Amino acid sequence: RQAASRTPWLAAAAALLLAVTAWWPSASGDSVTELSPEASYQALLASAPQDLLQLDWQVLADSSTDAESTSGQIVWSDSEQQGYMRFMGLAANDAESEQYQLWIFDREQDDAHPIDGGVFNIPPGATEVVIPIDAKIGVSEAWQFAITVEKPGGVVVSDRSRLPLLASTAS
């Protein structure tokens, strides 16, 4: 009988504990708010690290995509190991048959083996897309970025046969 009379009090204490736990991070200011890629892109531009690269995409002759109407920029900071790609007008891809892949050329590495910057998709109907860069290893001194079209999941080494976009510090 005493155990039954304690049950409502235990339930109330558990509910109070759950409420305090859920409230605590926001009350202490420690809650983490994840920014959208667009907001993160703008935040990186606003922070303006001294080594921030801002390069425009150059359309290359790749008849396998409708890249000729594509524009946009890439921003990258070696010191922050962070960057974003912005595309306007890049053709949507069918993720089941192909994906776009970013390659980062580093002055500290052989150009035959650029750094994988991640694979990504452009959804149908998207006119402007911001994609975070996912460099698989550290980048010392980026100088060129290339977009290739690869099989789903990307490749370890690209044959660069489908290379629609390039951004470079070289003239």
N, C-alpha and C. Protein backbone atom coordinates (compact mmCIF):
# COMPACT_ATOMS: atom_id res chain seq x y z
N ARG A 1 0.82 -1.19 0.00
CA ARG A 1 0.00 0.00 0.00
C ARG A 1 0.87 1.26 0.00
N GLN A 2 1.98 1.26 0.75
CA GLN A 2 2.85 2.44 0.77
C GLN A 2 3.51 2.64 -0.61
N ALA A 3 3.86 1.56 -1.27
CA ALA A 3 4.48 1.66 -2.59
C ALA A 3 3.52 2.31 -3.58
N ALA A 4 2.25 1.97 -3.49
CA ALA A 4 1.25 2.54 -4.39
C ALA A 4 1.08 4.03 -4.14
N SER A 5 1.22 4.48 -2.91
CA SER A 5 1.05 5.90 -2.62
C SER A 5 2.27 6.72 -3.06
N ARG A 6 3.41 6.06 -3.24
CA ARG A 6 4.61 6.76 -3.69
C ARG A 6 4.68 6.89 -5.21
N THR A 7 3.96 6.09 -5.94
CA THR A 7 4.04 6.08 -7.40
C THR A 7 3.74 7.44 -8.02
N PRO A 8 2.67 8.15 -7.62
CA PRO A 8 2.43 9.47 -8.21
C PRO A 8 3.57 10.45 -7.93
N TRP A 9 4.14 10.38 -6.72
CA TRP A 9 5.24 11.27 -6.39
C TRP A 9 6.49 10.96 -7.21
N LEU A 10 6.78 9.69 -7.44
CA LEU A 10 7.92 9.29 -8.26
C LEU A 10 7.72 9.73 -9.71
N ALA A 11 6.49 9.59 -10.20
CA ALA A 11 6.20 10.01 -11.57
C ALA A 11 6.37 11.53 -11.71
N ALA A 12 5.90 12.28 -10.71
CA ALA A 12 6.04 13.74 -10.74
C ALA A 12 7.51 14.14 -10.68
N ALA A 13 8.30 13.46 -9.85
CA ALA A 13 9.73 13.77 -9.74
C ALA A 13 10.45 13.47 -11.05
N ALA A 14 10.10 12.36 -11.69
CA ALA A 14 10.71 12.00 -12.98
C ALA A 14 10.35 13.03 -14.05
N ALA A 15 9.10 13.48 -14.05
CA ALA A 15 8.68 14.49 -15.03
C ALA A 15 9.42 15.80 -14.80
N LEU A 16 9.59 16.19 -13.53
CA LEU A 16 10.32 17.41 -13.20
C LEU A 16 11.78 17.31 -13.64
N LEU A 17 12.40 16.16 -13.39
CA LEU A 17 13.78 15.94 -13.79
C LEU A 17 13.91 16.02 -15.31
N LEU A 18 12.99 15.42 -16.04
CA LEU A 18 13.00 15.47 -17.50
C LEU A 18 12.84 16.91 -18.00
N ALA A 19 11.95 17.66 -17.39
CA ALA A 19 11.73 19.06 -17.79
C ALA A 19 12.97 19.90 -17.55
N VAL A 20 13.61 19.74 -16.41
CA VAL A 20 14.82 20.50 -16.10
C VAL A 20 15.94 20.13 -17.07
N THR A 21 16.09 18.85 -17.37
CA THR A 21 17.12 18.40 -18.31
C THR A 21 16.89 19.00 -19.69
N ALA A 22 15.66 19.02 -20.15
CA ALA A 22 15.36 19.58 -21.47
C ALA A 22 15.58 21.08 -21.49
N TRP A 23 15.33 21.76 -20.38
CA TRP A 23 15.44 23.21 -20.30
C TRP A 23 16.87 23.67 -20.09
N TRP A 24 17.68 22.91 -19.40
CA TRP A 24 19.00 23.32 -18.94
C TRP A 24 19.92 23.86 -20.04
N PRO A 25 20.14 23.17 -21.17
CA PRO A 25 21.08 23.72 -22.15
C PRO A 25 20.66 25.09 -22.68
N SER A 26 19.37 25.31 -22.93
CA SER A 26 18.97 26.60 -23.45
C SER A 26 19.07 27.69 -22.39
N ALA A 27 18.87 27.36 -21.13
CA ALA A 27 18.97 28.35 -20.06
C ALA A 27 20.41 28.75 -19.83
N SER A 28 21.35 27.83 -20.02
CA SER A 28 22.75 28.15 -19.76
C SER A 28 23.44 28.78 -20.96
N GLY A 29 22.76 28.85 -22.11
CA GLY A 29 23.35 29.43 -23.30
C GLY A 29 24.26 28.47 -24.03
N ASP A 30 24.31 27.21 -23.63
CA ASP A 30 25.18 26.23 -24.26
C ASP A 30 24.51 25.48 -25.40
N SER A 31 23.29 25.82 -25.73
CA SER A 31 22.62 25.07 -26.78
C SER A 31 23.32 25.34 -28.11
N VAL A 32 23.34 24.35 -28.95
CA VAL A 32 24.00 24.44 -30.24
C VAL A 32 22.92 24.62 -31.30
N THR A 33 23.07 25.68 -32.07
CA THR A 33 22.16 25.93 -33.17
C THR A 33 22.94 25.71 -34.44
N GLU A 34 22.50 24.77 -35.24
CA GLU A 34 23.19 24.48 -36.49
C GLU A 34 22.70 25.45 -37.56
N LEU A 35 23.64 26.11 -38.21
CA LEU A 35 23.30 27.06 -39.26
C LEU A 35 23.07 26.33 -40.58
N SER A 36 22.26 26.92 -41.42
CA SER A 36 22.06 26.38 -42.76
C SER A 36 23.35 26.57 -43.55
N PRO A 37 23.54 25.82 -44.64
CA PRO A 37 24.74 26.05 -45.46
C PRO A 37 24.84 27.50 -45.93
N GLU A 38 23.71 28.12 -46.30
CA GLU A 38 23.73 29.52 -46.74
C GLU A 38 24.20 30.43 -45.62
N ALA A 39 23.68 30.24 -44.41
CA ALA A 39 24.08 31.07 -43.27
C ALA A 39 25.55 30.83 -42.91
N SER A 40 26.00 29.58 -42.98
CA SER A 40 27.40 29.26 -42.70
C SER A 40 28.32 29.88 -43.73
N TYR A 41 27.90 29.87 -44.99
CA TYR A 41 28.65 30.50 -46.08
C TYR A 41 28.82 31.99 -45.79
N GLN A 42 27.71 32.65 -45.42
CA GLN A 42 27.75 34.07 -45.11
C GLN A 42 28.61 34.36 -43.87
N ALA A 43 28.54 33.46 -42.88
CA ALA A 43 29.34 33.63 -41.65
C ALA A 43 30.84 33.52 -41.96
N LEU A 44 31.22 32.60 -42.84
CA LEU A 44 32.62 32.46 -43.21
C LEU A 44 33.08 33.71 -43.95
N LEU A 45 32.26 34.23 -44.85
CA LEU A 45 32.62 35.47 -45.55
C LEU A 45 32.77 36.63 -44.57
N ALA A 46 31.85 36.72 -43.61
CA ALA A 46 31.87 37.81 -42.63
C ALA A 46 33.09 37.73 -41.72
N SER A 47 33.51 36.51 -41.36
CA SER A 47 34.67 36.35 -40.47
C SER A 47 35.97 36.68 -41.20
N ALA A 48 35.96 36.55 -42.51
CA ALA A 48 37.07 36.93 -43.39
C ALA A 48 38.45 36.54 -42.87
N PRO A 49 38.71 35.23 -42.72
CA PRO A 49 40.08 34.85 -42.36
C PRO A 49 41.05 35.40 -43.40
N GLN A 50 42.27 35.71 -42.99
CA GLN A 50 43.24 36.32 -43.90
C GLN A 50 43.51 35.47 -45.13
N ASP A 51 43.38 34.16 -45.00
CA ASP A 51 43.68 33.29 -46.13
C ASP A 51 42.43 32.89 -46.93
N LEU A 52 41.33 33.60 -46.75
CA LEU A 52 40.09 33.23 -47.42
C LEU A 52 40.21 33.40 -48.93
N LEU A 53 40.01 32.29 -49.63
CA LEU A 53 39.96 32.32 -51.09
C LEU A 53 38.51 32.49 -51.52
N GLN A 54 38.26 33.37 -52.47
CA GLN A 54 36.95 33.54 -53.08
C GLN A 54 37.16 33.48 -54.58
N LEU A 55 36.73 32.40 -55.19
CA LEU A 55 36.98 32.19 -56.61
C LEU A 55 35.68 31.92 -57.34
N ASP A 56 35.58 32.41 -58.58
CA ASP A 56 34.41 32.14 -59.41
C ASP A 56 34.62 30.82 -60.16
N TRP A 57 33.52 30.12 -60.36
CA TRP A 57 33.56 28.89 -61.16
C TRP A 57 33.73 29.27 -62.63
N GLN A 58 34.59 28.54 -63.32
CA GLN A 58 34.76 28.67 -64.77
C GLN A 58 34.14 27.44 -65.41
N VAL A 59 33.31 27.65 -66.40
CA VAL A 59 32.67 26.53 -67.10
C VAL A 59 33.63 25.97 -68.13
N LEU A 60 33.82 24.66 -68.08
CA LEU A 60 34.68 23.97 -69.04
C LEU A 60 33.81 23.24 -70.05
N ALA A 61 34.40 22.84 -71.14
CA ALA A 61 33.65 22.13 -72.19
C ALA A 61 33.39 20.69 -71.76
N ASP A 62 32.22 20.46 -71.20
CA ASP A 62 31.82 19.10 -70.83
C ASP A 62 30.40 18.90 -71.35
N SER A 63 30.28 18.25 -72.47
CA SER A 63 28.97 18.09 -73.10
C SER A 63 28.05 17.15 -72.32
N SER A 64 28.58 16.48 -71.29
CA SER A 64 27.75 15.53 -70.54
C SER A 64 26.86 16.21 -69.51
N THR A 65 27.05 17.50 -69.25
CA THR A 65 26.19 18.24 -68.32
C THR A 65 25.79 19.55 -68.97
N ASP A 66 24.75 20.16 -68.44
CA ASP A 66 24.32 21.47 -68.92
C ASP A 66 24.97 22.56 -68.09
N ALA A 67 26.29 22.57 -68.04
CA ALA A 67 27.01 23.50 -67.17
C ALA A 67 27.21 24.87 -67.79
N GLU A 68 26.97 25.02 -69.09
CA GLU A 68 27.30 26.31 -69.73
C GLU A 68 26.57 27.50 -69.12
N SER A 69 25.43 27.27 -68.50
CA SER A 69 24.69 28.38 -67.87
C SER A 69 24.97 28.48 -66.36
N THR A 70 25.98 27.77 -65.89
CA THR A 70 26.30 27.75 -64.47
C THR A 70 27.20 28.91 -64.08
N SER A 71 26.93 29.46 -62.91
CA SER A 71 27.82 30.46 -62.32
C SER A 71 27.90 30.15 -60.83
N GLY A 72 28.71 30.91 -60.14
CA GLY A 72 28.83 30.71 -58.70
C GLY A 72 30.25 30.91 -58.23
N GLN A 73 30.45 30.64 -56.96
CA GLN A 73 31.76 30.84 -56.34
C GLN A 73 32.07 29.67 -55.40
N ILE A 74 33.34 29.65 -55.06
CA ILE A 74 33.81 28.75 -54.00
C ILE A 74 34.57 29.63 -53.03
N VAL A 75 34.34 29.41 -51.75
CA VAL A 75 35.11 30.09 -50.72
C VAL A 75 35.77 29.01 -49.86
N TRP A 76 37.03 29.23 -49.51
CA TRP A 76 37.79 28.25 -48.74
C TRP A 76 38.82 28.95 -47.88
N SER A 77 39.00 28.45 -46.67
CA SER A 77 40.05 28.94 -45.77
C SER A 77 40.90 27.76 -45.34
N ASP A 78 42.20 27.80 -45.66
CA ASP A 78 43.11 26.75 -45.21
C ASP A 78 43.21 26.74 -43.69
N SER A 79 43.28 27.93 -43.06
CA SER A 79 43.44 27.99 -41.61
C SER A 79 42.21 27.45 -40.88
N GLU A 80 41.03 27.67 -41.44
CA GLU A 80 39.80 27.17 -40.82
C GLU A 80 39.44 25.76 -41.28
N GLN A 81 40.10 25.30 -42.37
CA GLN A 81 39.76 24.00 -42.98
C GLN A 81 38.25 23.93 -43.23
N GLN A 82 37.75 25.01 -43.81
CA GLN A 82 36.32 25.13 -44.03
C GLN A 82 36.07 25.91 -45.32
N GLY A 83 34.98 25.55 -45.99
CA GLY A 83 34.62 26.27 -47.19
C GLY A 83 33.26 25.84 -47.70
N TYR A 84 32.79 26.59 -48.70
CA TYR A 84 31.47 26.36 -49.28
C TYR A 84 31.51 26.59 -50.77
N MET A 85 30.66 25.86 -51.47
CA MET A 85 30.48 26.04 -52.91
C MET A 85 29.09 26.61 -53.13
N ARG A 86 29.01 27.62 -53.98
CA ARG A 86 27.71 28.20 -54.35
C ARG A 86 27.56 28.00 -55.86
N PHE A 87 26.42 27.45 -56.23
CA PHE A 87 26.12 27.22 -57.65
C PHE A 87 24.80 27.88 -58.01
N MET A 88 24.77 28.53 -59.14
CA MET A 88 23.53 29.02 -59.72
C MET A 88 23.43 28.40 -61.10
N GLY A 89 22.37 27.65 -61.30
CA GLY A 89 22.12 27.06 -62.61
C GLY A 89 22.83 25.76 -62.91
N LEU A 90 23.46 25.13 -61.94
CA LEU A 90 24.10 23.83 -62.19
C LEU A 90 23.01 22.79 -62.35
N ALA A 91 23.12 21.99 -63.39
CA ALA A 91 22.10 20.99 -63.71
C ALA A 91 21.92 19.98 -62.58
N ALA A 92 20.67 19.63 -62.34
CA ALA A 92 20.36 18.57 -61.36
C ALA A 92 20.96 17.26 -61.86
N ASN A 93 21.35 16.43 -60.91
CA ASN A 93 21.89 15.12 -61.27
C ASN A 93 20.94 14.03 -60.76
N ASP A 94 21.02 12.87 -61.38
CA ASP A 94 20.28 11.70 -60.93
C ASP A 94 21.21 10.94 -59.99
N ALA A 95 20.99 11.08 -58.68
CA ALA A 95 21.90 10.53 -57.67
C ALA A 95 22.05 9.01 -57.77
N GLU A 96 21.13 8.34 -58.42
CA GLU A 96 21.25 6.88 -58.57
C GLU A 96 22.21 6.48 -59.67
N SER A 97 22.53 7.43 -60.57
CA SER A 97 23.46 7.09 -61.64
C SER A 97 24.76 7.91 -61.63
N GLU A 98 24.72 9.11 -61.00
CA GLU A 98 25.93 9.92 -60.95
C GLU A 98 25.83 10.97 -59.84
N GLN A 99 27.00 11.42 -59.39
CA GLN A 99 27.07 12.49 -58.40
C GLN A 99 28.19 13.44 -58.80
N TYR A 100 28.06 14.68 -58.34
CA TYR A 100 29.14 15.63 -58.50
C TYR A 100 30.16 15.37 -57.39
N GLN A 101 31.44 15.60 -57.70
CA GLN A 101 32.49 15.43 -56.70
C GLN A 101 33.45 16.61 -56.80
N LEU A 102 33.83 17.15 -55.64
CA LEU A 102 34.78 18.26 -55.59
C LEU A 102 36.19 17.71 -55.35
N TRP A 103 37.14 18.31 -56.06
CA TRP A 103 38.56 17.99 -55.87
C TRP A 103 39.29 19.27 -55.51
N ILE A 104 40.14 19.19 -54.48
CA ILE A 104 40.91 20.34 -54.00
C ILE A 104 42.38 20.09 -54.34
N PHE A 105 42.96 21.01 -55.11
CA PHE A 105 44.37 20.89 -55.46
C PHE A 105 45.17 21.70 -54.45
N ASP A 106 46.14 21.03 -53.81
CA ASP A 106 46.95 21.58 -52.74
C ASP A 106 48.38 21.72 -53.24
N ARG A 107 48.98 22.87 -53.02
CA ARG A 107 50.38 23.07 -53.46
C ARG A 107 51.34 22.09 -52.81
N GLU A 108 50.95 21.51 -51.68
CA GLU A 108 51.79 20.55 -50.96
C GLU A 108 51.62 19.12 -51.47
N GLN A 109 50.74 18.91 -52.45
CA GLN A 109 50.47 17.57 -52.96
C GLN A 109 50.62 17.53 -54.47
N ASP A 110 50.90 16.35 -54.97
CA ASP A 110 50.99 16.12 -56.40
C ASP A 110 49.62 16.37 -57.04
N ASP A 111 49.59 17.13 -58.13
CA ASP A 111 48.33 17.44 -58.82
C ASP A 111 47.63 16.19 -59.36
N ALA A 112 48.37 15.11 -59.50
CA ALA A 112 47.76 13.86 -59.96
C ALA A 112 46.83 13.27 -58.90
N HIS A 113 46.99 13.72 -57.65
CA HIS A 113 46.19 13.19 -56.54
C HIS A 113 45.61 14.32 -55.70
N PRO A 114 44.62 15.03 -56.25
CA PRO A 114 43.99 16.10 -55.46
C PRO A 114 43.20 15.52 -54.30
N ILE A 115 42.84 16.38 -53.36
CA ILE A 115 42.11 15.97 -52.16
C ILE A 115 40.62 15.89 -52.47
N ASP A 116 40.02 14.80 -52.04
CA ASP A 116 38.58 14.62 -52.20
C ASP A 116 37.86 15.62 -51.31
N GLY A 117 37.03 16.47 -51.91
CA GLY A 117 36.27 17.47 -51.16
C GLY A 117 34.82 17.07 -50.93
N GLY A 118 34.47 15.84 -51.28
CA GLY A 118 33.13 15.33 -51.04
C GLY A 118 32.28 15.24 -52.29
N VAL A 119 31.27 14.40 -52.21
CA VAL A 119 30.30 14.26 -53.28
C VAL A 119 29.02 14.99 -52.89
N PHE A 120 28.28 15.42 -53.89
CA PHE A 120 27.04 16.14 -53.60
C PHE A 120 26.08 16.02 -54.77
N ASN A 121 24.84 16.37 -54.50
CA ASN A 121 23.78 16.33 -55.50
C ASN A 121 23.18 17.71 -55.66
N ILE A 122 22.67 17.97 -56.83
CA ILE A 122 21.89 19.17 -57.10
C ILE A 122 20.45 18.69 -57.32
N PRO A 123 19.52 19.11 -56.46
CA PRO A 123 18.14 18.64 -56.60
C PRO A 123 17.43 19.28 -57.80
N PRO A 124 16.48 18.57 -58.38
CA PRO A 124 15.71 19.13 -59.49
C PRO A 124 15.01 20.42 -59.06
N GLY A 125 15.00 21.39 -59.94
CA GLY A 125 14.31 22.65 -59.68
C GLY A 125 15.09 23.66 -58.86
N ALA A 126 16.27 23.28 -58.37
CA ALA A 126 17.07 24.21 -57.56
C ALA A 126 17.75 25.22 -58.48
N THR A 127 17.58 26.49 -58.18
CA THR A 127 18.24 27.51 -58.99
C THR A 127 19.54 27.98 -58.35
N GLU A 128 19.59 27.96 -57.01
CA GLU A 128 20.80 28.35 -56.29
C GLU A 128 21.00 27.39 -55.13
N VAL A 129 22.22 26.85 -55.03
CA VAL A 129 22.52 25.85 -54.00
C VAL A 129 23.85 26.19 -53.35
N VAL A 130 23.92 26.06 -52.02
CA VAL A 130 25.17 26.22 -51.27
C VAL A 130 25.48 24.87 -50.64
N ILE A 131 26.69 24.39 -50.88
CA ILE A 131 27.12 23.07 -50.42
C ILE A 131 28.37 23.22 -49.56
N PRO A 132 28.38 22.67 -48.34
CA PRO A 132 29.62 22.71 -47.54
C PRO A 132 30.67 21.77 -48.12
N ILE A 133 31.92 22.16 -48.01
CA ILE A 133 33.02 21.33 -48.48
C ILE A 133 33.39 20.34 -47.38
N ASP A 134 33.61 19.10 -47.78
CA ASP A 134 33.95 18.02 -46.85
C ASP A 134 35.31 17.44 -47.24
N ALA A 135 36.38 18.20 -46.97
CA ALA A 135 37.73 17.73 -47.31
C ALA A 135 38.06 16.49 -46.49
N LYS A 136 38.49 15.44 -47.17
CA LYS A 136 38.75 14.16 -46.50
C LYS A 136 40.06 14.15 -45.72
N ILE A 137 40.98 15.02 -46.09
CA ILE A 137 42.23 15.17 -45.33
C ILE A 137 42.53 16.67 -45.24
N GLY A 138 43.49 17.03 -44.41
CA GLY A 138 43.85 18.44 -44.25
C GLY A 138 44.41 19.05 -45.52
N VAL A 139 44.09 20.30 -45.73
CA VAL A 139 44.56 21.04 -46.91
C VAL A 139 45.56 22.09 -46.42
N SER A 140 46.77 22.07 -47.00
CA SER A 140 47.80 23.03 -46.60
C SER A 140 47.67 24.36 -47.33
N GLU A 141 47.61 24.29 -48.66
CA GLU A 141 47.54 25.52 -49.46
C GLU A 141 46.75 25.25 -50.73
N ALA A 142 45.45 25.41 -50.64
CA ALA A 142 44.59 25.18 -51.80
C ALA A 142 44.85 26.24 -52.86
N TRP A 143 44.85 25.81 -54.11
CA TRP A 143 45.03 26.78 -55.20
C TRP A 143 44.06 26.55 -56.36
N GLN A 144 43.45 25.37 -56.39
CA GLN A 144 42.53 25.07 -57.48
C GLN A 144 41.48 24.09 -56.99
N PHE A 145 40.26 24.22 -57.55
CA PHE A 145 39.14 23.35 -57.20
C PHE A 145 38.48 22.90 -58.49
N ALA A 146 38.14 21.64 -58.57
CA ALA A 146 37.51 21.10 -59.77
C ALA A 146 36.28 20.29 -59.38
N ILE A 147 35.26 20.38 -60.21
CA ILE A 147 34.06 19.57 -60.05
C ILE A 147 34.06 18.53 -61.16
N THR A 148 33.93 17.27 -60.77
CA THR A 148 33.79 16.19 -61.76
C THR A 148 32.44 15.52 -61.56
N VAL A 149 32.04 14.75 -62.56
CA VAL A 149 30.83 13.94 -62.48
C VAL A 149 31.31 12.50 -62.38
N GLU A 150 30.89 11.82 -61.30
CA GLU A 150 31.38 10.47 -61.01
C GLU A 150 30.22 9.53 -60.70
N LYS A 151 30.55 8.27 -60.48
CA LYS A 151 29.53 7.30 -60.10
C LYS A 151 29.03 7.62 -58.69
N PRO A 152 27.84 7.12 -58.30
CA PRO A 152 27.33 7.39 -56.95
C PRO A 152 28.35 7.01 -55.87
N GLY A 153 28.55 7.89 -54.90
CA GLY A 153 29.53 7.66 -53.85
C GLY A 153 30.89 8.23 -54.17
N GLY A 154 31.10 8.61 -55.43
CA GLY A 154 32.37 9.19 -55.83
C GLY A 154 33.44 8.16 -56.09
N VAL A 155 34.63 8.64 -56.36
CA VAL A 155 35.77 7.79 -56.66
C VAL A 155 36.97 8.24 -55.82
N VAL A 156 37.96 7.38 -55.70
CA VAL A 156 39.18 7.72 -54.97
C VAL A 156 40.10 8.54 -55.86
N VAL A 157 40.18 8.16 -57.14
CA VAL A 157 40.97 8.88 -58.13
C VAL A 157 40.10 9.08 -59.36
N SER A 158 39.93 10.32 -59.76
CA SER A 158 39.10 10.62 -60.93
C SER A 158 39.93 10.57 -62.21
N ASP A 159 39.30 10.09 -63.28
CA ASP A 159 39.98 10.16 -64.57
C ASP A 159 39.76 11.53 -65.22
N ARG A 160 38.94 12.36 -64.58
CA ARG A 160 38.65 13.74 -64.98
C ARG A 160 38.08 13.83 -66.40
N SER A 161 37.43 12.76 -66.83
CA SER A 161 36.85 12.77 -68.17
C SER A 161 35.59 13.64 -68.23
N ARG A 162 34.94 13.82 -67.10
CA ARG A 162 33.75 14.68 -67.03
C ARG A 162 34.04 15.77 -66.01
N LEU A 163 34.51 16.90 -66.50
CA LEU A 163 34.99 18.01 -65.67
C LEU A 163 34.28 19.30 -66.09
N PRO A 164 33.09 19.55 -65.55
CA PRO A 164 32.34 20.72 -66.00
C PRO A 164 32.77 22.06 -65.42
N LEU A 165 33.35 22.08 -64.20
CA LEU A 165 33.66 23.36 -63.55
C LEU A 165 35.03 23.35 -62.92
N LEU A 166 35.66 24.53 -62.94
CA LEU A 166 36.99 24.71 -62.35
C LEU A 166 37.05 26.10 -61.73
N ALA A 167 37.73 26.22 -60.61
CA ALA A 167 38.01 27.51 -59.98
C ALA A 167 39.48 27.49 -59.58
N SER A 168 40.22 28.53 -59.96
CA SER A 168 41.65 28.49 -59.76
C SER A 168 42.23 29.87 -59.43
N THR A 169 43.31 29.85 -58.63
CA THR A 169 44.05 31.08 -58.35
C THR A 169 45.04 31.36 -59.47
N ALA A 170 45.34 30.35 -60.29
CA ALA A 170 46.28 30.52 -61.40
C ALA A 170 45.59 31.28 -62.53
N SER A 171 46.32 32.14 -63.19
CA SER A 171 45.76 32.93 -64.30
C SER A 171 45.66 32.12 -65.56
